[in-house]
Amino acid sequence: MKSLILPILAATSLVGTIALLNPSSASAGEIHDRQVNQQERIYKGVQQGTISQQEYKKLETREAKIAAQRRAYLSDGDLSRKEAVRLTNAQNRTSRAIYRDRHD
C-alpha cells in the first residue's frame, strides 16, 4: 500500500508544480469551469421560471461574448495574467446579472 502512495504523491506534486510555473494554463481551465457553472445556473433559472426569455437571451449573449473572448485570447496558445483578469471580471459581472435575474 505504501509503495502505491509515494508515486501518487509525486505525480500530484508534479502537476501542482506545473500549474504554479504556468498559471495561465490553470486560469484557462478555471475560466472554462466557471463558464460551465454559470450556464448551469442560467438553465436552472429558466427551468424554475425565475429567468424570463428576454433575460435568458441577454445572459446567453454575455456568455457567448466571454467564450469568444476566451477563444481569441487562447488562439496564440497562452493566456496572460491580464487577459485572465479581464475574463474573470467579465464573468463576475455576468454572475451578478444571473443572480439579479434569478432573484428579481
Protein backbone atom coordinates (compact mmCIF):
# COMPACT_ATOMS: atom_id res chain seq x y z
CA MET A 1 0.00 0.00 0.00
CA LYS A 2 2.79 2.44 0.92
CA SER A 3 4.53 1.70 -2.37
CA LEU A 4 1.46 3.00 -4.24
CA ILE A 5 1.09 6.18 -2.22
CA LEU A 6 4.55 7.57 -2.98
CA PRO A 7 4.16 7.61 -6.81
CA ILE A 8 0.69 9.13 -6.48
CA LEU A 9 2.01 11.89 -4.21
CA ALA A 10 4.91 12.53 -6.58
CA ALA A 11 2.57 12.81 -9.56
CA THR A 12 0.23 15.11 -7.67
CA SER A 13 3.06 17.40 -6.61
CA LEU A 14 4.39 17.45 -10.18
CA VAL A 15 1.02 18.59 -11.51
CA GLY A 16 0.83 21.27 -8.83
CA THR A 17 4.32 22.47 -9.68
CA ILE A 18 3.49 22.70 -13.38
CA ALA A 19 0.37 24.72 -12.55
CA LEU A 20 2.45 27.11 -10.45
CA LEU A 21 5.04 27.54 -13.17
CA ASN A 22 2.41 28.21 -15.81
CA PRO A 23 -0.55 29.91 -14.13
CA SER A 24 -2.13 30.78 -17.45
CA SER A 25 -3.00 27.19 -18.27
CA ALA A 26 -4.63 26.75 -14.88
CA SER A 27 -6.52 30.01 -15.32
CA ALA A 28 -7.86 28.92 -18.70
CA GLY A 29 -9.30 25.77 -17.14
CA GLU A 30 -10.77 27.64 -14.19
CA ILE A 31 -12.38 30.15 -16.50
CA HIS A 32 -13.89 27.36 -18.59
CA ASP A 33 -15.17 25.54 -15.50
CA ARG A 34 -16.76 28.73 -14.23
CA GLN A 35 -18.35 29.28 -17.63
CA VAL A 36 -19.95 25.84 -17.42
CA ASN A 37 -21.17 26.57 -13.89
CA GLN A 38 -22.76 29.83 -14.96
CA GLN A 39 -24.50 28.10 -17.87
CA GLU A 40 -25.99 25.62 -15.41
CA ARG A 41 -27.20 28.46 -13.21
CA ILE A 42 -28.87 30.11 -16.19
CA TYR A 43 -30.59 26.88 -17.25
CA LYS A 44 -31.81 26.21 -13.70
CA GLY A 45 -33.25 29.71 -13.58
CA VAL A 46 -35.09 29.15 -16.86
CA GLN A 47 -36.41 25.76 -15.69
CA GLN A 48 -37.60 27.23 -12.40
CA GLY A 49 -39.21 30.15 -14.20
CA THR A 50 -37.17 32.81 -12.42
CA ILE A 51 -35.39 33.89 -15.62
CA SER A 52 -37.59 35.19 -18.44
CA GLN A 53 -36.90 34.60 -22.13
CA GLN A 54 -35.62 38.16 -22.55
CA GLU A 55 -33.27 37.80 -19.58
CA TYR A 56 -32.17 34.41 -20.92
CA LYS A 57 -31.24 35.91 -24.30
CA LYS A 58 -29.24 38.71 -22.65
CA LEU A 59 -27.37 36.32 -20.39
CA GLU A 60 -26.62 33.94 -23.26
CA THR A 61 -25.29 36.85 -25.33
CA ARG A 62 -22.98 37.83 -22.47
CA GLU A 63 -21.80 34.25 -22.05
CA ALA A 64 -21.14 33.94 -25.79
CA LYS A 65 -19.05 37.12 -25.76
CA ILE A 66 -16.96 35.81 -22.87
CA ALA A 67 -16.46 32.47 -24.63
CA ALA A 68 -15.44 34.23 -27.85
CA GLN A 69 -13.04 36.46 -25.94
CA ARG A 70 -11.54 33.42 -24.22
CA ARG A 71 -11.04 31.66 -27.56
CA ALA A 72 -9.41 34.78 -29.01
CA TYR A 73 -7.04 35.07 -26.05
CA LEU A 74 -6.12 31.39 -26.27
CA SER A 75 -5.59 31.49 -30.05
CA ASP A 76 -1.87 32.12 -29.50
CA GLY A 77 -1.79 29.18 -27.08
CA ASP A 78 -1.27 31.23 -23.93
CA LEU A 79 -3.44 33.23 -21.57
CA SER A 80 -1.66 36.14 -19.91
CA ARG A 81 -2.49 37.32 -16.41
CA LYS A 82 -4.01 40.49 -17.81
CA GLU A 83 -6.27 38.51 -20.14
CA ALA A 84 -7.27 36.15 -17.31
CA VAL A 85 -8.18 39.14 -15.12
CA ARG A 86 -10.30 40.62 -17.91
CA LEU A 87 -12.15 37.33 -18.38
CA THR A 88 -12.64 36.91 -14.65
CA ASN A 89 -14.04 40.42 -14.32
CA ALA A 90 -16.44 39.78 -17.20
CA GLN A 91 -17.53 36.56 -15.54
CA ASN A 92 -18.02 38.37 -12.23
CA ARG A 93 -20.32 40.90 -13.90
CA THR A 94 -22.27 38.13 -15.62
CA SER A 95 -22.53 36.17 -12.39
CA ARG A 96 -24.06 39.17 -10.64
CA ALA A 97 -26.52 39.58 -13.54
CA ILE A 98 -27.52 35.92 -13.23
CA TYR A 99 -28.10 36.39 -9.51
CA ARG A 100 -30.19 39.53 -10.05
CA ASP A 101 -32.28 37.88 -12.75
CA ARG A 102 -32.92 34.79 -10.64
CA HIS A 103 -33.92 36.83 -7.60
CA ASP A 104 -35.98 39.68 -9.04
